[in-house]
């Protein structure tokens, strides 16, 4: 059975767990492993999403997976701090906009399934394999919303929603950062610099509440702690599918849908197994599971759309400039944090 390591596990325990994973001693400096049957995966996905996929991989390959579960920001900081002696093998999760600024910490690898990937989800940087396509959405608690209309970002400025909006810290949550990008472009009519007036107003309506991670948003809305949350599609779709009193809203001002990614950590000690894992994640069988059972949109050309999700053609899809986002990621995070802190 895989070990899921909580974010609060201390460093000494982390080292112990990795040691128990049976890493190949001869490859402690990184590189191709020979015969290892272990893999350490850093992952911000919900555990209920991780578990069935990892279980299937373990059954199929006999490789034991240790999952280190934490927020995207925390995991990327960990990878950076471990650059001289990586304890993880794979970073699985995080939006493209969050991963790309850290691309130097990843190994070059192109999946064996790259030929079957949608053209707009290709591994163009040679390091980050696209895993699923994820629109930013609003999640509404239907028991709490009452007569308040929420069709997009502008509606979140309603004074009746002050303090009732779940939004995570964009420095810790990749889905929250994607919402920051989305609102800047949508409310700035394509010019992110013109979107800051809206971001300032939204920060005021958060009433001093900024959550620590993505899961706190969709769980908070589903549990009735918040009336509305800024989250990613699968985070809300799972609850809709399970019959919870929630619904998903695609912002009328425009929705950015970006892939998340998976990449091999530079110097990974279980290199062969890391490559097998990425090939497994992008296989038709796994991508079909992702779409049919786990409420995400596949990146493959030959996988049917997920049931119950709105057709992309019916969503007001807008585009950002990936280079502008990459260059300004930290600047925008810092600016939003300053605005929020001064409210």
C-alpha atoms as a PDB file:
ATOM      1  CA  UNK A   1       0.000   0.000   0.000  1.00  0.00           C
ATOM      2  CA  UNK A   2       1.344   3.430  -0.918  1.00  0.00           C
ATOM      3  CA  UNK A   3       2.287   5.921   1.758  1.00  0.00           C
ATOM      4  CA  UNK A   4       0.617   9.295   1.613  1.00  0.00           C
ATOM      5  CA  UNK A   5       2.780  11.792   3.446  1.00  0.00           C
ATOM      6  CA  UNK A   6       0.917  14.754   4.928  1.00  0.00           C
ATOM      7  CA  UNK A   7       2.268  18.248   4.523  1.00  0.00           C
ATOM      8  CA  UNK A   8       3.099  18.519   8.212  1.00  0.00           C
ATOM      9  CA  UNK A   9       5.462  15.541   8.261  1.00  0.00           C
ATOM     10  CA  UNK A  10       8.812  16.712   9.525  1.00  0.00           C
ATOM     11  CA  UNK A  11      11.936  16.653   7.400  1.00  0.00           C
ATOM     12  CA  UNK A  12      13.531  13.775   9.296  1.00  0.00           C
ATOM     13  CA  UNK A  13      10.485  11.593   8.727  1.00  0.00           C
ATOM     14  CA  UNK A  14      10.468  12.569   5.074  1.00  0.00           C
ATOM     15  CA  UNK A  15      14.060  11.408   4.689  1.00  0.00           C
ATOM     16  CA  UNK A  16      13.228   8.201   6.527  1.00  0.00           C
ATOM     17  CA  UNK A  17      10.242   7.460   4.305  1.00  0.00           C
ATOM     18  CA  UNK A  18      12.264   8.018   1.153  1.00  0.00           C
ATOM     19  CA  UNK A  19      15.025   5.796   2.496  1.00  0.00           C
ATOM     20  CA  UNK A  20      12.479   3.087   3.215  1.00  0.00           C
ATOM     21  CA  UNK A  21      11.359   3.407  -0.387  1.00  0.00           C
ATOM     22  CA  UNK A  22      14.408   1.429  -1.426  1.00  0.00           C
ATOM     23  CA  UNK A  23      16.094   3.996  -3.671  1.00  0.00           C
ATOM     24  CA  UNK A  24      19.041   2.663  -5.640  1.00  0.00           C
ATOM     25  CA  UNK A  25      22.179   3.629  -3.686  1.00  0.00           C
ATOM     26  CA  UNK A  26      24.300   3.602  -6.807  1.00  0.00           C
ATOM     27  CA  UNK A  27      22.195   6.384  -8.272  1.00  0.00           C
ATOM     28  CA  UNK A  28      22.151   8.782  -5.328  1.00  0.00           C
ATOM     29  CA  UNK A  29      23.397  11.592  -7.573  1.00  0.00           C
ATOM     30  CA  UNK A  30      20.524  11.110  -9.994  1.00  0.00           C
ATOM     31  CA  UNK A  31      20.272   9.443 -13.362  1.00  0.00           C
ATOM     32  CA  UNK A  32      18.994   6.136 -14.711  1.00  0.00           C
ATOM     33  CA  UNK A  33      18.029   3.654 -12.005  1.00  0.00           C
ATOM     34  CA  UNK A  34      18.564  -0.056 -12.410  1.00  0.00           C
ATOM     35  CA  UNK A  35      15.872  -2.312 -11.030  1.00  0.00           C
ATOM     36  CA  UNK A  36      14.305   0.010  -8.442  1.00  0.00           C
ATOM     37  CA  UNK A  37      10.667  -0.765  -7.647  1.00  0.00           C
ATOM     38  CA  UNK A  38       9.924   2.537  -5.918  1.00  0.00           C
ATOM     39  CA  UNK A  39       8.781   6.024  -6.872  1.00  0.00           C
ATOM     40  CA  UNK A  40       8.318   9.232  -4.866  1.00  0.00           C
ATOM     41  CA  UNK A  41       5.642  11.538  -6.279  1.00  0.00           C
ATOM     42  CA  UNK A  42       5.065  15.117  -5.158  1.00  0.00           C
ATOM     43  CA  UNK A  43       1.404  15.922  -5.789  1.00  0.00           C
ATOM     44  CA  UNK A  44      -1.109  18.685  -4.931  1.00  0.00           C
ATOM     45  CA  UNK A  45      -4.143  16.825  -6.309  1.00  0.00           C
ATOM     46  CA  UNK A  46      -6.955  15.782  -3.929  1.00  0.00           C
ATOM     47  CA  UNK A  47      -6.270  12.377  -2.378  1.00  0.00           C
ATOM     48  CA  UNK A  48      -9.535  11.005  -3.739  1.00  0.00           C
ATOM     49  CA  UNK A  49      -8.181  11.844  -7.204  1.00  0.00           C
ATOM     50  CA  UNK A  50      -4.681  10.499  -6.545  1.00  0.00           C
ATOM     51  CA  UNK A  51      -5.599   7.179  -4.949  1.00  0.00           C
ATOM     52  CA  UNK A  52      -7.338   5.303  -7.801  1.00  0.00           C
ATOM     53  CA  UNK A  53      -4.719   6.336 -10.359  1.00  0.00           C
ATOM     54  CA  UNK A  54      -1.767   5.417  -8.169  1.00  0.00           C
ATOM     55  CA  UNK A  55      -3.382   2.109  -7.174  1.00  0.00           C
ATOM     56  CA  UNK A  56      -3.827   1.215 -10.842  1.00  0.00           C
ATOM     57  CA  UNK A  57      -0.198   2.111 -11.593  1.00  0.00           C
ATOM     58  CA  UNK A  58       1.068   0.016  -8.694  1.00  0.00           C
ATOM     59  CA  UNK A  59      -1.042  -2.975  -9.767  1.00  0.00           C
ATOM     60  CA  UNK A  60       0.099  -2.702 -13.364  1.00  0.00           C
ATOM     61  CA  UNK A  61       3.817  -2.185 -12.740  1.00  0.00           C
ATOM     62  CA  UNK A  62       4.586  -3.574  -9.274  1.00  0.00           C
ATOM     63  CA  UNK A  63       6.213  -0.229  -8.434  1.00  0.00           C
ATOM     64  CA  UNK A  64       5.473   1.127  -4.954  1.00  0.00           C
ATOM     65  CA  UNK A  65       4.532   4.807  -4.976  1.00  0.00           C
ATOM     66  CA  UNK A  66       5.118   7.130  -2.024  1.00  0.00           C
ATOM     67  CA  UNK A  67       2.950  10.239  -2.441  1.00  0.00           C
ATOM     68  CA  UNK A  68       3.966  13.488  -0.770  1.00  0.00           C
ATOM     69  CA  UNK A  69       0.736  15.505  -0.683  1.00  0.00           C
ATOM     70  CA  UNK A  70       0.932  19.273  -0.271  1.00  0.00           C
ATOM     71  CA  UNK A  71       0.074  22.512  -2.037  1.00  0.00           C
ATOM     72  CA  UNK A  72       1.730  23.299  -5.362  1.00  0.00           C
ATOM     73  CA  UNK A  73       3.694  26.234  -3.987  1.00  0.00           C
ATOM     74  CA  UNK A  74       5.020  24.248  -1.044  1.00  0.00           C
ATOM     75  CA  UNK A  75       6.053  21.334  -3.251  1.00  0.00           C
ATOM     76  CA  UNK A  76       7.886  23.570  -5.721  1.00  0.00           C
ATOM     77  CA  UNK A  77       9.754  25.203  -2.834  1.00  0.00           C
ATOM     78  CA  UNK A  78      10.689  21.733  -1.623  1.00  0.00           C
ATOM     79  CA  UNK A  79      11.999  20.762  -5.050  1.00  0.00           C
ATOM     80  CA  UNK A  80      14.065  23.925  -5.144  1.00  0.00           C
ATOM     81  CA  UNK A  81      15.517  23.339  -1.680  1.00  0.00           C
ATOM     82  CA  UNK A  82      16.356  19.714  -2.543  1.00  0.00           C
ATOM     83  CA  UNK A  83      18.019  20.510  -5.875  1.00  0.00           C
ATOM     84  CA  UNK A  84      21.400  19.121  -4.789  1.00  0.00           C
ATOM     85  CA  UNK A  85      19.894  15.913  -3.390  1.00  0.00           C
ATOM     86  CA  UNK A  86      16.349  15.393  -4.711  1.00  0.00           C
ATOM     87  CA  UNK A  87      14.105  13.271  -2.516  1.00  0.00           C
ATOM     88  CA  UNK A  88      11.250  13.271  -5.012  1.00  0.00           C
ATOM     89  CA  UNK A  89      11.106  11.781  -8.499  1.00  0.00           C
ATOM     90  CA  UNK A  90       8.000  13.306 -10.082  1.00  0.00           C
ATOM     91  CA  UNK A  91       6.047  16.531  -9.707  1.00  0.00           C
ATOM     92  CA  UNK A  92       2.476  15.578 -10.649  1.00  0.00           C
ATOM     93  CA  UNK A  93       0.127  18.545 -10.651  1.00  0.00           C
ATOM     94  CA  UNK A  94       0.195  22.288 -10.741  1.00  0.00           C
ATOM     95  CA  UNK A  95      -0.985  24.516 -13.556  1.00  0.00           C
ATOM     96  CA  UNK A  96       1.223  25.153 -16.548  1.00  0.00           C
ATOM     97  CA  UNK A  97       1.561  28.789 -15.536  1.00  0.00           C
ATOM     98  CA  UNK A  98       2.877  27.726 -12.126  1.00  0.00           C
ATOM     99  CA  UNK A  99       5.235  24.998 -13.344  1.00  0.00           C
ATOM    100  CA  UNK A 100       6.857  26.756 -16.292  1.00  0.00           C
ATOM    101  CA  UNK A 101       8.778  29.338 -14.224  1.00  0.00           C
ATOM    102  CA  UNK A 102      10.397  26.366 -12.426  1.00  0.00           C
ATOM    103  CA  UNK A 103      11.220  24.413 -15.588  1.00  0.00           C
ATOM    104  CA  UNK A 104      14.969  24.409 -14.787  1.00  0.00           C
ATOM    105  CA  UNK A 105      14.254  22.015 -11.917  1.00  0.00           C
ATOM    106  CA  UNK A 106      12.843  19.364 -14.267  1.00  0.00           C
ATOM    107  CA  UNK A 107      14.435  16.752 -16.512  1.00  0.00           C
ATOM    108  CA  UNK A 108      13.916  16.639 -20.239  1.00  0.00           C
ATOM    109  CA  UNK A 109      11.426  13.941 -21.136  1.00  0.00           C
ATOM    110  CA  UNK A 110       8.793  13.458 -23.807  1.00  0.00           C
ATOM    111  CA  UNK A 111       6.080  10.904 -23.116  1.00  0.00           C
ATOM    112  CA  UNK A 112       5.742   7.856 -25.353  1.00  0.00           C
ATOM    113  CA  UNK A 113       2.137   9.011 -25.885  1.00  0.00           C
ATOM    114  CA  UNK A 114       2.962  12.534 -27.055  1.00  0.00           C
ATOM    115  CA  UNK A 115       1.702  11.769 -30.572  1.00  0.00           C
ATOM    116  CA  UNK A 116      -1.813  11.213 -29.190  1.00  0.00           C
ATOM    117  CA  UNK A 117      -1.940  14.486 -27.245  1.00  0.00           C
ATOM    118  CA  UNK A 118      -4.102  17.386 -28.445  1.00  0.00           C
ATOM    119  CA  UNK A 119      -2.161  19.984 -30.394  1.00  0.00           C
ATOM    120  CA  UNK A 120      -2.762  22.746 -27.858  1.00  0.00           C
ATOM    121  CA  UNK A 121      -1.580  20.461 -25.043  1.00  0.00           C
ATOM    122  CA  UNK A 122       1.757  19.404 -26.513  1.00  0.00           C
ATOM    123  CA  UNK A 123       4.934  19.292 -24.445  1.00  0.00           C
ATOM    124  CA  UNK A 124       6.497  22.258 -26.241  1.00  0.00           C
ATOM    125  CA  UNK A 125       9.162  22.899 -23.580  1.00  0.00           C
ATOM    126  CA  UNK A 126      10.429  19.305 -23.633  1.00  0.00           C
ATOM    127  CA  UNK A 127      10.048  18.885 -19.873  1.00  0.00           C
ATOM    128  CA  UNK A 128       6.432  19.356 -18.743  1.00  0.00           C
ATOM    129  CA  UNK A 129       3.965  16.748 -19.988  1.00  0.00           C
ATOM    130  CA  UNK A 130       0.388  17.994 -20.043  1.00  0.00           C
ATOM    131  CA  UNK A 131      -1.926  15.805 -17.960  1.00  0.00           C
ATOM    132  CA  UNK A 132      -5.448  17.273 -18.011  1.00  0.00           C
ATOM    133  CA  UNK A 133      -7.225  20.395 -19.227  1.00  0.00           C
ATOM    134  CA  UNK A 134      -8.654  22.517 -16.412  1.00  0.00           C
ATOM    135  CA  UNK A 135     -10.958  25.540 -16.738  1.00  0.00           C
ATOM    136  CA  UNK A 136     -11.188  27.966 -13.832  1.00  0.00           C
ATOM    137  CA  UNK A 137     -14.727  28.085 -12.407  1.00  0.00           C
ATOM    138  CA  UNK A 138     -16.847  29.433  -9.582  1.00  0.00           C
ATOM    139  CA  UNK A 139     -18.408  26.920  -7.183  1.00  0.00           C
ATOM    140  CA  UNK A 140     -21.711  27.850  -5.559  1.00  0.00           C
ATOM    141  CA  UNK A 141     -23.374  26.379  -2.479  1.00  0.00           C
ATOM    142  CA  UNK A 142     -27.004  26.187  -3.604  1.00  0.00           C
ATOM    143  CA  UNK A 143     -28.302  25.977  -0.014  1.00  0.00           C
ATOM    144  CA  UNK A 144     -26.682  29.292   0.877  1.00  0.00           C
ATOM    145  CA  UNK A 145     -26.822  31.410  -2.263  1.00  0.00           C
ATOM    146  CA  UNK A 146     -30.526  32.245  -2.005  1.00  0.00           C
ATOM    147  CA  UNK A 147     -31.579  34.925  -4.507  1.00  0.00           C
ATOM    148  CA  UNK A 148     -28.050  36.244  -5.036  1.00  0.00           C
ATOM    149  CA  UNK A 149     -27.130  36.069  -8.723  1.00  0.00           C
ATOM    150  CA  UNK A 150     -23.631  34.774  -9.499  1.00  0.00           C
ATOM    151  CA  UNK A 151     -22.832  34.455 -13.175  1.00  0.00           C
ATOM    152  CA  UNK A 152     -19.277  35.737 -13.154  1.00  0.00           C
ATOM    153  CA  UNK A 153     -16.561  37.750 -11.486  1.00  0.00           C
ATOM    154  CA  UNK A 154     -18.523  41.023 -11.323  1.00  0.00           C
ATOM    155  CA  UNK A 155     -21.177  39.361  -9.182  1.00  0.00           C
ATOM    156  CA  UNK A 156     -18.587  38.508  -6.526  1.00  0.00           C
ATOM    157  CA  UNK A 157     -18.447  42.199  -5.616  1.00  0.00           C
ATOM    158  CA  UNK A 158     -22.001  42.010  -4.223  1.00  0.00           C
ATOM    159  CA  UNK A 159     -21.825  43.341  -0.625  1.00  0.00           C
ATOM    160  CA  UNK A 160     -24.072  40.454   0.454  1.00  0.00           C
ATOM    161  CA  UNK A 161     -21.180  38.073  -0.319  1.00  0.00           C
ATOM    162  CA  UNK A 162     -18.600  39.911   1.788  1.00  0.00           C
ATOM    163  CA  UNK A 163     -16.717  37.381   3.894  1.00  0.00           C
ATOM    164  CA  UNK A 164     -18.551  34.494   2.221  1.00  0.00           C
ATOM    165  CA  UNK A 165     -16.132  33.972  -0.679  1.00  0.00           C
ATOM    166  CA  UNK A 166     -13.542  31.176  -0.562  1.00  0.00           C
ATOM    167  CA  UNK A 167     -10.304  32.090  -2.303  1.00  0.00           C
ATOM    168  CA  UNK A 168      -6.856  30.605  -1.710  1.00  0.00           C
ATOM    169  CA  UNK A 169      -3.505  32.335  -1.494  1.00  0.00           C
ATOM    170  CA  UNK A 170      -2.156  32.398  -5.097  1.00  0.00           C
ATOM    171  CA  UNK A 171       1.377  31.897  -3.782  1.00  0.00           C
ATOM    172  CA  UNK A 172       0.360  28.501  -2.381  1.00  0.00           C
ATOM    173  CA  UNK A 173      -2.356  27.298  -4.774  1.00  0.00           C
ATOM    174  CA  UNK A 174      -1.869  26.969  -8.523  1.00  0.00           C
ATOM    175  CA  UNK A 175      -5.636  27.008  -9.120  1.00  0.00           C
ATOM    176  CA  UNK A 176      -5.847  30.276  -7.208  1.00  0.00           C
ATOM    177  CA  UNK A 177      -3.022  31.748  -9.256  1.00  0.00           C
ATOM    178  CA  UNK A 178      -4.852  30.685 -12.416  1.00  0.00           C
ATOM    179  CA  UNK A 179      -7.935  32.529 -11.150  1.00  0.00           C
ATOM    180  CA  UNK A 180      -5.812  35.629 -10.570  1.00  0.00           C
ATOM    181  CA  UNK A 181      -4.593  35.420 -14.176  1.00  0.00           C
ATOM    182  CA  UNK A 182      -8.150  34.734 -15.375  1.00  0.00           C
ATOM    183  CA  UNK A 183      -9.659  37.718 -13.580  1.00  0.00           C
ATOM    184  CA  UNK A 184      -6.914  40.100 -14.712  1.00  0.00           C
ATOM    185  CA  UNK A 185      -7.448  39.169 -18.359  1.00  0.00           C
ATOM    186  CA  UNK A 186     -11.248  38.862 -18.169  1.00  0.00           C
ATOM    187  CA  UNK A 187     -11.881  42.039 -16.196  1.00  0.00           C
ATOM    188  CA  UNK A 188      -9.161  43.921 -18.070  1.00  0.00           C
ATOM    189  CA  UNK A 189     -10.715  42.996 -21.423  1.00  0.00           C
ATOM    190  CA  UNK A 190      -7.526  41.245 -22.499  1.00  0.00           C
ATOM    191  CA  UNK A 191      -5.102  43.661 -20.814  1.00  0.00           C
ATOM    192  CA  UNK A 192      -4.093  42.238 -17.412  1.00  0.00           C
ATOM    193  CA  UNK A 193      -2.855  45.599 -16.155  1.00  0.00           C
ATOM    194  CA  UNK A 194      -6.393  46.951 -16.516  1.00  0.00           C
ATOM    195  CA  UNK A 195      -7.749  44.112 -14.374  1.00  0.00           C
ATOM    196  CA  UNK A 196      -6.161  45.246 -11.118  1.00  0.00           C
ATOM    197  CA  UNK A 197      -9.007  47.599 -10.241  1.00  0.00           C
ATOM    198  CA  UNK A 198     -11.284  44.548 -10.085  1.00  0.00           C
ATOM    199  CA  UNK A 199      -8.716  42.518  -8.108  1.00  0.00           C
ATOM    200  CA  UNK A 200      -8.550  45.358  -5.584  1.00  0.00           C
ATOM    201  CA  UNK A 201     -12.334  45.378  -5.143  1.00  0.00           C
ATOM    202  CA  UNK A 202     -12.488  41.592  -4.845  1.00  0.00           C
ATOM    203  CA  UNK A 203      -9.775  41.621  -2.179  1.00  0.00           C
ATOM    204  CA  UNK A 204     -11.981  43.953  -0.143  1.00  0.00           C
ATOM    205  CA  UNK A 205     -14.963  41.633  -0.422  1.00  0.00           C
ATOM    206  CA  UNK A 206     -12.865  38.685   0.829  1.00  0.00           C
ATOM    207  CA  UNK A 207     -13.018  40.448   4.208  1.00  0.00           C
ATOM    208  CA  UNK A 208      -9.556  39.354   5.311  1.00  0.00           C
ATOM    209  CA  UNK A 209     -10.045  35.690   4.428  1.00  0.00           C
ATOM    210  CA  UNK A 210      -7.424  34.043   2.197  1.00  0.00           C
ATOM    211  CA  UNK A 211      -7.239  30.253   2.419  1.00  0.00           C
ATOM    212  CA  UNK A 212      -4.119  28.114   2.548  1.00  0.00           C
ATOM    213  CA  UNK A 213      -4.774  25.793  -0.382  1.00  0.00           C
ATOM    214  CA  UNK A 214      -7.017  24.686  -3.227  1.00  0.00           C
ATOM    215  CA  UNK A 215      -8.787  21.975  -1.243  1.00  0.00           C
ATOM    216  CA  UNK A 216      -9.872  24.457   1.428  1.00  0.00           C
ATOM    217  CA  UNK A 217     -11.867  26.288  -1.255  1.00  0.00           C
ATOM    218  CA  UNK A 218     -14.023  23.493  -2.675  1.00  0.00           C
ATOM    219  CA  UNK A 219     -14.353  21.741   0.660  1.00  0.00           C
ATOM    220  CA  UNK A 220     -15.315  25.017   2.330  1.00  0.00           C
ATOM    221  CA  UNK A 221     -18.086  25.639  -0.200  1.00  0.00           C
ATOM    222  CA  UNK A 222     -19.354  22.049  -0.128  1.00  0.00           C
ATOM    223  CA  UNK A 223     -19.389  22.037   3.688  1.00  0.00           C
ATOM    224  CA  UNK A 224     -21.309  25.291   3.861  1.00  0.00           C
ATOM    225  CA  UNK A 225     -18.518  27.429   5.329  1.00  0.00           C
ATOM    226  CA  UNK A 226     -18.602  29.659   2.249  1.00  0.00           C
ATOM    227  CA  UNK A 227     -21.303  30.573  -0.241  1.00  0.00           C
ATOM    228  CA  UNK A 228     -19.058  30.762  -3.296  1.00  0.00           C
ATOM    229  CA  UNK A 229     -15.501  29.759  -4.116  1.00  0.00           C
ATOM    230  CA  UNK A 230     -12.933  30.398  -6.840  1.00  0.00           C
ATOM    231  CA  UNK A 231     -11.710  26.954  -7.808  1.00  0.00           C
ATOM    232  CA  UNK A 232     -10.930  24.605 -10.687  1.00  0.00           C
ATOM    233  CA  UNK A 233     -13.481  22.554 -12.590  1.00  0.00           C
ATOM    234  CA  UNK A 234     -12.800  19.087 -11.186  1.00  0.00           C
ATOM    235  CA  UNK A 235     -12.716  20.437  -7.627  1.00  0.00           C
ATOM    236  CA  UNK A 236     -16.383  21.372  -7.965  1.00  0.00           C
ATOM    237  CA  UNK A 237     -17.518  18.761 -10.501  1.00  0.00           C
ATOM    238  CA  UNK A 238     -16.788  15.882  -8.142  1.00  0.00           C
ATOM    239  CA  UNK A 239     -19.198  17.310  -5.574  1.00  0.00           C
ATOM    240  CA  UNK A 240     -21.857  17.907  -8.220  1.00  0.00           C
ATOM    241  CA  UNK A 241     -21.486  14.309  -9.377  1.00  0.00           C
ATOM    242  CA  UNK A 242     -21.803  13.070  -5.786  1.00  0.00           C
ATOM    243  CA  UNK A 243     -25.031  14.995  -5.274  1.00  0.00           C
ATOM    244  CA  UNK A 244     -23.757  17.718  -2.953  1.00  0.00           C
ATOM    245  CA  UNK A 245     -25.733  21.006  -2.827  1.00  0.00           C
ATOM    246  CA  UNK A 246     -23.338  22.799  -5.159  1.00  0.00           C
ATOM    247  CA  UNK A 247     -23.171  23.950  -8.761  1.00  0.00           C
ATOM    248  CA  UNK A 248     -20.453  25.140 -11.124  1.00  0.00           C
ATOM    249  CA  UNK A 249     -20.528  28.515 -12.852  1.00  0.00           C
ATOM    250  CA  UNK A 250     -18.311  29.377 -15.811  1.00  0.00           C
ATOM    251  CA  UNK A 251     -17.581  33.098 -15.582  1.00  0.00           C
ATOM    252  CA  UNK A 252     -19.555  35.034 -18.205  1.00  0.00           C
ATOM    253  CA  UNK A 253     -16.699  37.538 -18.572  1.00  0.00           C
ATOM    254  CA  UNK A 254     -14.466  34.741 -19.839  1.00  0.00           C
ATOM    255  CA  UNK A 255     -12.833  31.486 -18.761  1.00  0.00           C
ATOM    256  CA  UNK A 256      -9.197  30.520 -19.240  1.00  0.00           C
ATOM    257  CA  UNK A 257      -8.710  26.771 -19.543  1.00  0.00           C
ATOM    258  CA  UNK A 258      -5.126  25.632 -19.127  1.00  0.00           C
ATOM    259  CA  UNK A 259      -3.514  22.212 -18.791  1.00  0.00           C
ATOM    260  CA  UNK A 260      -1.867  21.110 -15.614  1.00  0.00           C
ATOM    261  CA  UNK A 261       1.347  19.156 -15.890  1.00  0.00           C
ATOM    262  CA  UNK A 262       3.586  16.357 -14.728  1.00  0.00           C
ATOM    263  CA  UNK A 263       7.376  16.411 -14.874  1.00  0.00           C
ATOM    264  CA  UNK A 264      10.395  14.435 -13.732  1.00  0.00           C
ATOM    265  CA  UNK A 265      12.374  16.207 -11.028  1.00  0.00           C
ATOM    266  CA  UNK A 266      15.956  16.887 -12.101  1.00  0.00           C
ATOM    267  CA  UNK A 267      18.317  14.263 -10.708  1.00  0.00           C
ATOM    268  CA  UNK A 268      15.483  11.876  -9.828  1.00  0.00           C
ATOM    269  CA  UNK A 269      16.874   8.700  -8.295  1.00  0.00           C
ATOM    270  CA  UNK A 270      14.141   6.501  -9.755  1.00  0.00           C
ATOM    271  CA  UNK A 271      14.400   7.837 -13.286  1.00  0.00           C
ATOM    272  CA  UNK A 272      13.104   4.785 -15.160  1.00  0.00           C
ATOM    273  CA  UNK A 273      10.060   4.523 -12.914  1.00  0.00           C
ATOM    274  CA  UNK A 274       9.378   8.239 -13.271  1.00  0.00           C
ATOM    275  CA  UNK A 275       9.248   7.839 -17.053  1.00  0.00           C
ATOM    276  CA  UNK A 276       6.945   4.842 -16.708  1.00  0.00           C
ATOM    277  CA  UNK A 277       4.640   6.890 -14.478  1.00  0.00           C
ATOM    278  CA  UNK A 278       4.361   9.741 -16.980  1.00  0.00           C
ATOM    279  CA  UNK A 279       3.686   7.291 -19.812  1.00  0.00           C
ATOM    280  CA  UNK A 280       1.035   5.637 -17.644  1.00  0.00           C
ATOM    281  CA  UNK A 281      -0.657   8.970 -16.834  1.00  0.00           C
ATOM    282  CA  UNK A 282      -0.923   9.847 -20.520  1.00  0.00           C
ATOM    283  CA  UNK A 283      -2.043   6.406 -21.703  1.00  0.00           C
ATOM    284  CA  UNK A 284      -5.493   6.043 -23.236  1.00  0.00           C
ATOM    285  CA  UNK A 285      -6.635   3.816 -20.361  1.00  0.00           C
ATOM    286  CA  UNK A 286      -5.645   6.284 -17.633  1.00  0.00           C
ATOM    287  CA  UNK A 287      -6.901   9.317 -19.519  1.00  0.00           C
ATOM    288  CA  UNK A 288     -10.228   7.522 -20.041  1.00  0.00           C
ATOM    289  CA  UNK A 289     -10.431   6.941 -16.274  1.00  0.00           C
ATOM    290  CA  UNK A 290      -9.629  10.601 -15.672  1.00  0.00           C
ATOM    291  CA  UNK A 291     -12.512  11.658 -17.918  1.00  0.00           C
ATOM    292  CA  UNK A 292     -15.139   9.004 -17.185  1.00  0.00           C
ATOM    293  CA  UNK A 293     -14.614   8.539 -13.445  1.00  0.00           C
ATOM    294  CA  UNK A 294     -12.725  11.547 -12.095  1.00  0.00           C
ATOM    295  CA  UNK A 295     -14.459  14.498 -13.797  1.00  0.00           C
ATOM    296  CA  UNK A 296     -11.488  15.946 -15.664  1.00  0.00           C
ATOM    297  CA  UNK A 297     -10.955  16.805 -19.306  1.00  0.00           C
ATOM    298  CA  UNK A 298      -8.460  14.559 -21.086  1.00  0.00           C
ATOM    299  CA  UNK A 299      -5.525  15.907 -23.091  1.00  0.00           C
ATOM    300  CA  UNK A 300      -5.710  13.020 -25.574  1.00  0.00           C
ATOM    301  CA  UNK A 301      -7.279  13.188 -29.025  1.00  0.00           C
ATOM    302  CA  UNK A 302      -8.869   9.743 -28.723  1.00  0.00           C
ATOM    303  CA  UNK A 303     -10.652  10.054 -25.341  1.00  0.00           C
ATOM    304  CA  UNK A 304     -14.304  11.048 -25.123  1.00  0.00           C
ATOM    305  CA  UNK A 305     -15.198  14.196 -23.142  1.00  0.00           C
ATOM    306  CA  UNK A 306     -16.037  13.796 -19.480  1.00  0.00           C
ATOM    307  CA  UNK A 307     -19.747  13.244 -18.849  1.00  0.00           C
ATOM    308  CA  UNK A 308     -21.636  15.984 -17.071  1.00  0.00           C
ATOM    309  CA  UNK A 309     -19.186  18.777 -17.924  1.00  0.00           C
ATOM    310  CA  UNK A 310     -20.264  21.703 -20.061  1.00  0.00           C
ATOM    311  CA  UNK A 311     -19.059  21.546 -23.651  1.00  0.00           C
ATOM    312  CA  UNK A 312     -16.092  23.818 -24.259  1.00  0.00           C
ATOM    313  CA  UNK A 313     -17.975  25.286 -27.214  1.00  0.00           C
ATOM    314  CA  UNK A 314     -20.631  26.545 -24.774  1.00  0.00           C
ATOM    315  CA  UNK A 315     -18.114  28.306 -22.515  1.00  0.00           C
ATOM    316  CA  UNK A 316     -16.799  31.818 -23.170  1.00  0.00           C
ATOM    317  CA  UNK A 317     -13.171  30.762 -23.514  1.00  0.00           C
ATOM    318  CA  UNK A 318     -10.568  33.536 -23.504  1.00  0.00           C
ATOM    319  CA  UNK A 319      -6.797  33.374 -23.861  1.00  0.00           C
ATOM    320  CA  UNK A 320      -3.923  34.767 -21.874  1.00  0.00           C
ATOM    321  CA  UNK A 321      -0.351  35.397 -23.034  1.00  0.00           C
ATOM    322  CA  UNK A 322       1.712  32.581 -21.543  1.00  0.00           C
ATOM    323  CA  UNK A 323       4.982  34.516 -21.837  1.00  0.00           C
ATOM    324  CA  UNK A 324       3.521  37.555 -20.086  1.00  0.00           C
ATOM    325  CA  UNK A 325       2.157  35.315 -17.326  1.00  0.00           C
ATOM    326  CA  UNK A 326       5.486  33.508 -16.936  1.00  0.00           C
ATOM    327  CA  UNK A 327       7.434  36.768 -16.719  1.00  0.00           C
ATOM    328  CA  UNK A 328       5.030  38.388 -14.236  1.00  0.00           C
ATOM    329  CA  UNK A 329       4.015  35.441 -12.037  1.00  0.00           C
ATOM    330  CA  UNK A 330       5.841  36.518  -8.893  1.00  0.00           C
ATOM    331  CA  UNK A 331       5.146  40.210  -9.487  1.00  0.00           C
ATOM    332  CA  UNK A 332       1.410  39.554  -9.736  1.00  0.00           C
ATOM    333  CA  UNK A 333       1.402  37.274  -6.679  1.00  0.00           C
ATOM    334  CA  UNK A 334       3.234  39.922  -4.644  1.00  0.00           C
ATOM    335  CA  UNK A 335       0.945  42.685  -5.871  1.00  0.00           C
ATOM    336  CA  UNK A 336      -2.209  40.769  -4.984  1.00  0.00           C
ATOM    337  CA  UNK A 337      -0.813  39.907  -1.547  1.00  0.00           C
ATOM    338  CA  UNK A 338       0.008  43.577  -0.925  1.00  0.00           C
ATOM    339  CA  UNK A 339      -3.485  44.649  -1.980  1.00  0.00           C
ATOM    340  CA  UNK A 340      -5.082  42.002   0.234  1.00  0.00           C
ATOM    341  CA  UNK A 341      -2.882  42.811   3.243  1.00  0.00           C
ATOM    342  CA  UNK A 342      -3.694  46.505   3.053  1.00  0.00           C
ATOM    343  CA  UNK A 343      -7.452  45.994   3.074  1.00  0.00           C
END
